[in-house]
Amino acid sequence: MLNRRKKRSLDRSIPHHRDTNIIFVGIEGGDSQTSKEARYFDIFKEQDIRFQFKVIPCDEHRSSPDQVLEHLKSELEKEPLQEGDETWMVVDVDKYEPHLSRAAQECMDAGIGLAVSNPCFEFWLLLHYQDPDDRLQSCNDVKTVLNPLMGDDQNNDSGYAAMFFDNAEVAIERAKLRDNLEERWPNENGSRVYQIIERFFKQR
């Protein structure tokens, strides 16, 4: 079950926090109120573990993979990585597939993990509820299935957090079974966000 705690500071100058590693996650624009990605990762900030997520949203309306990556790199220059830290970029296939090849190569060159969802991040959320049988062609298709399942949890922070945290390990297994690691990103319905969340549970 979800263990809700006070969010911990990312200030590693405090001795008590010196053992904290951080996973920096670059996402499309938005904050915890407006971004589905930011709201999701915010769930894991409240857990009493030895690393934290720090979400780095791109500027609003700048959400292509190359823009997200450019902004992530810029922000990382302000806070150099320490041993044990990781960096990831979370983006959708959706309408940006033509940009992904270059972004994937740049991530590899920079040592940044790439977690692509096909067609969109909502598919990762859907895997917390079910493993869809049908191919979902667009993000609207995914939302049509997902939204009724979420019900009131969409507007209830406690229900939202509990639902996704308690079912994250199931979602990881569903995503792994779908994944073909020979592909640079999922060419069919799938999500590699599981590769980030899996690190959380291994560190607990």
Protein backbone atom coordinates (compact mmCIF):
# COMPACT_ATOMS: atom_id res chain seq x y z
CA MET A 1 0.00 0.00 0.00
CA LEU A 2 1.00 3.58 -0.53
CA ASN A 3 3.07 4.97 2.31
CA ARG A 4 2.42 8.69 2.24
CA ARG A 5 5.17 10.78 3.83
CA LYS A 6 6.32 14.36 3.76
CA LYS A 7 8.23 15.16 0.58
CA ARG A 8 11.96 15.19 1.13
CA SER A 9 14.21 18.04 0.17
CA LEU A 10 16.59 17.64 -2.75
CA ASP A 11 19.18 19.74 -0.92
CA ARG A 12 22.12 17.36 -0.64
CA SER A 13 24.11 19.89 1.39
CA ILE A 14 22.18 18.66 4.42
CA PRO A 15 24.20 15.81 5.97
CA HIS A 16 21.14 13.63 6.53
CA HIS A 17 20.45 13.66 2.79
CA ARG A 18 23.94 13.03 1.47
CA ASP A 19 23.16 9.44 0.58
CA THR A 20 20.27 10.49 -1.64
CA ASN A 21 20.58 9.71 -5.33
CA ILE A 22 18.37 11.47 -7.81
CA ILE A 23 16.75 10.34 -11.05
CA PHE A 24 16.31 13.44 -13.19
CA VAL A 25 13.36 13.02 -15.56
CA GLY A 26 12.86 15.38 -18.49
CA ILE A 27 9.23 15.58 -19.60
CA GLU A 28 7.01 17.68 -21.82
CA GLY A 29 5.73 20.98 -20.43
CA GLY A 30 3.58 21.25 -17.34
CA ASP A 31 3.65 20.96 -13.56
CA SER A 32 2.14 18.51 -11.09
CA GLN A 33 -1.27 20.10 -11.63
CA THR A 34 -1.27 20.17 -15.42
CA SER A 35 1.08 17.38 -16.53
CA LYS A 36 0.11 13.71 -16.34
CA GLU A 37 3.79 12.76 -16.23
CA ALA A 38 4.67 15.19 -13.44
CA ARG A 39 1.66 14.14 -11.39
CA TYR A 40 2.59 10.48 -11.76
CA PHE A 41 6.24 10.85 -10.75
CA ASP A 42 5.17 13.06 -7.86
CA ILE A 43 3.65 9.96 -6.24
CA PHE A 44 7.09 8.45 -5.76
CA LYS A 45 8.61 11.58 -4.22
CA GLU A 46 6.70 10.89 -1.03
CA GLN A 47 8.30 7.52 -0.34
CA ASP A 48 11.02 7.01 2.27
CA ILE A 49 13.77 5.68 0.01
CA ARG A 50 17.39 6.45 -0.80
CA PHE A 51 16.78 8.15 -4.11
CA GLN A 52 14.25 10.62 -5.45
CA PHE A 53 12.78 11.74 -8.72
CA LYS A 54 13.31 15.29 -9.86
CA VAL A 55 11.00 16.10 -12.75
CA ILE A 56 12.23 18.69 -15.24
CA PRO A 57 9.35 19.88 -17.43
CA CYS A 58 10.07 21.59 -20.70
CA ASP A 59 8.62 25.01 -21.40
CA GLU A 60 4.93 24.95 -22.23
CA HIS A 61 4.18 24.33 -25.93
CA ARG A 62 7.73 22.98 -26.49
CA SER A 63 7.18 19.25 -26.32
CA SER A 64 9.00 17.64 -29.23
CA PRO A 65 11.76 15.18 -28.22
CA ASP A 66 14.55 17.49 -29.35
CA GLN A 67 13.09 20.40 -27.35
CA VAL A 68 12.63 18.28 -24.22
CA LEU A 69 16.19 16.99 -24.53
CA GLU A 70 17.66 20.46 -25.09
CA HIS A 71 15.90 21.78 -22.00
CA LEU A 72 16.91 18.77 -19.90
CA LYS A 73 20.58 19.20 -20.78
CA SER A 74 20.39 22.91 -19.98
CA GLU A 75 18.88 22.27 -16.55
CA LEU A 76 21.41 19.56 -15.73
CA GLU A 77 24.22 22.06 -16.19
CA LYS A 78 22.86 23.88 -13.13
CA GLU A 79 22.99 20.75 -10.97
CA PRO A 80 25.82 18.38 -11.98
CA LEU A 81 25.21 14.70 -11.47
CA GLN A 82 26.74 12.81 -8.58
CA GLU A 83 27.70 9.16 -8.53
CA GLY A 84 24.54 7.06 -8.52
CA ASP A 85 22.34 9.72 -10.16
CA GLU A 86 20.55 8.97 -13.44
CA THR A 87 18.96 11.03 -16.17
CA TRP A 88 16.00 10.04 -18.33
CA MET A 89 13.82 11.62 -20.96
CA VAL A 90 10.14 10.64 -21.09
CA VAL A 91 8.40 11.32 -24.40
CA ASP A 92 5.59 9.97 -26.57
CA VAL A 93 5.65 8.50 -30.06
CA ASP A 94 2.31 10.11 -30.86
CA LYS A 95 2.93 12.85 -33.42
CA TYR A 96 6.67 13.09 -32.81
CA GLU A 97 7.92 9.82 -34.29
CA PRO A 98 9.89 11.58 -37.08
CA HIS A 99 11.95 13.36 -34.37
CA LEU A 100 12.68 10.30 -32.27
CA SER A 101 15.58 8.81 -34.21
CA ARG A 102 17.83 11.84 -33.74
CA ALA A 103 16.74 12.29 -30.13
CA ALA A 104 17.46 8.62 -29.37
CA GLN A 105 21.00 8.95 -30.74
CA GLU A 106 21.61 12.16 -28.79
CA CYS A 107 20.38 10.53 -25.59
CA MET A 108 22.72 7.60 -26.15
CA ASP A 109 25.65 9.94 -26.79
CA ALA A 110 24.86 11.94 -23.63
CA GLY A 111 24.24 8.92 -21.38
CA ILE A 112 20.56 9.80 -20.96
CA GLY A 113 17.98 7.04 -20.76
CA LEU A 114 15.07 7.25 -23.18
CA ALA A 115 11.63 6.09 -22.01
CA VAL A 116 9.22 6.28 -24.95
CA SER A 117 5.52 5.42 -24.73
CA ASN A 118 3.55 4.37 -27.80
CA PRO A 119 1.31 6.09 -28.55
CA CYS A 120 1.54 8.21 -25.39
CA PHE A 121 2.22 8.28 -21.63
CA GLU A 122 -1.40 7.44 -20.92
CA PHE A 123 -0.70 3.94 -22.21
CA TRP A 124 1.72 3.47 -19.30
CA LEU A 125 -1.05 4.59 -16.96
CA LEU A 126 -3.47 2.16 -18.62
CA LEU A 127 -1.13 -0.74 -17.89
CA HIS A 128 -1.78 -0.15 -14.18
CA TYR A 129 -5.41 -1.15 -14.80
CA GLN A 130 -5.26 -3.74 -17.56
CA ASP A 131 -3.26 -5.23 -20.41
CA PRO A 132 -5.23 -4.14 -23.50
CA ASP A 133 -5.82 -6.74 -26.20
CA ASP A 134 -6.55 -4.35 -29.04
CA ARG A 135 -4.07 -2.10 -30.76
CA LEU A 136 -4.78 1.49 -29.81
CA GLN A 137 -3.86 3.74 -32.69
CA SER A 138 -3.83 7.14 -31.02
CA CYS A 139 -3.67 8.81 -27.64
CA ASN A 140 -7.39 9.53 -27.93
CA ASP A 141 -7.99 5.79 -28.30
CA VAL A 142 -6.00 5.18 -25.11
CA LYS A 143 -7.87 7.88 -23.19
CA THR A 144 -11.20 6.42 -24.29
CA VAL A 145 -10.27 3.19 -22.50
CA LEU A 146 -8.39 4.76 -19.58
CA ASN A 147 -10.68 7.55 -18.42
CA PRO A 148 -13.67 5.37 -17.45
CA LEU A 149 -11.33 3.07 -15.51
CA MET A 150 -9.87 5.96 -13.55
CA GLY A 151 -13.25 7.38 -12.62
CA ASP A 152 -13.06 9.65 -9.59
CA ASP A 153 -9.35 8.86 -9.09
CA GLN A 154 -8.58 11.46 -11.76
CA ASN A 155 -9.65 14.24 -9.41
CA ASN A 156 -8.83 12.60 -6.09
CA ASP A 157 -5.15 12.91 -5.20
CA SER A 158 -5.26 10.16 -2.59
CA GLY A 159 -7.08 7.70 -4.85
CA TYR A 160 -4.90 8.60 -7.81
CA ALA A 161 -1.69 8.04 -5.86
CA ALA A 162 -2.83 4.80 -4.26
CA MET A 163 -4.10 3.32 -7.52
CA PHE A 164 -0.91 3.90 -9.45
CA PHE A 165 1.54 3.16 -6.65
CA ASP A 166 -0.15 -0.06 -5.59
CA ASN A 167 -0.34 -1.34 -9.17
CA ALA A 168 3.02 -0.09 -10.46
CA GLU A 169 4.77 -3.45 -10.17
CA VAL A 170 1.97 -5.12 -12.13
CA ALA A 171 2.30 -2.42 -14.80
CA ILE A 172 6.04 -3.04 -14.95
CA GLU A 173 5.52 -6.74 -15.66
CA ARG A 174 2.88 -6.03 -18.31
CA ALA A 175 5.14 -3.51 -20.02
CA LYS A 176 8.15 -5.86 -19.94
CA LEU A 177 6.18 -8.67 -21.56
CA ARG A 178 5.21 -6.33 -24.39
CA ASP A 179 8.67 -4.88 -24.90
CA ASN A 180 11.11 -5.85 -27.62
CA LEU A 181 14.47 -4.50 -26.49
CA GLU A 182 15.89 -4.91 -29.98
CA GLU A 183 13.77 -1.89 -30.93
CA ARG A 184 14.99 1.56 -29.96
CA TRP A 185 11.48 2.33 -28.69
CA PRO A 186 8.18 0.40 -28.77
CA ASN A 187 6.93 0.12 -32.34
CA GLU A 188 3.62 -1.27 -31.09
CA ASN A 189 1.58 -0.30 -28.04
CA GLY A 190 3.94 -0.16 -25.10
CA SER A 191 5.96 2.00 -22.75
CA ARG A 192 9.51 1.99 -21.44
CA VAL A 193 8.63 4.12 -18.43
CA TYR A 194 8.74 0.80 -16.60
CA GLN A 195 12.55 0.92 -16.82
CA ILE A 196 12.54 4.01 -14.60
CA ILE A 197 9.93 2.85 -12.09
CA GLU A 198 11.59 -0.54 -11.80
CA ARG A 199 14.64 1.22 -10.34
CA PHE A 200 12.46 2.62 -7.59
CA PHE A 201 11.33 -0.79 -6.41
CA LYS A 202 14.82 -2.27 -6.60
CA GLN A 203 16.12 0.48 -4.31
CA ARG A 204 13.39 0.24 -1.66
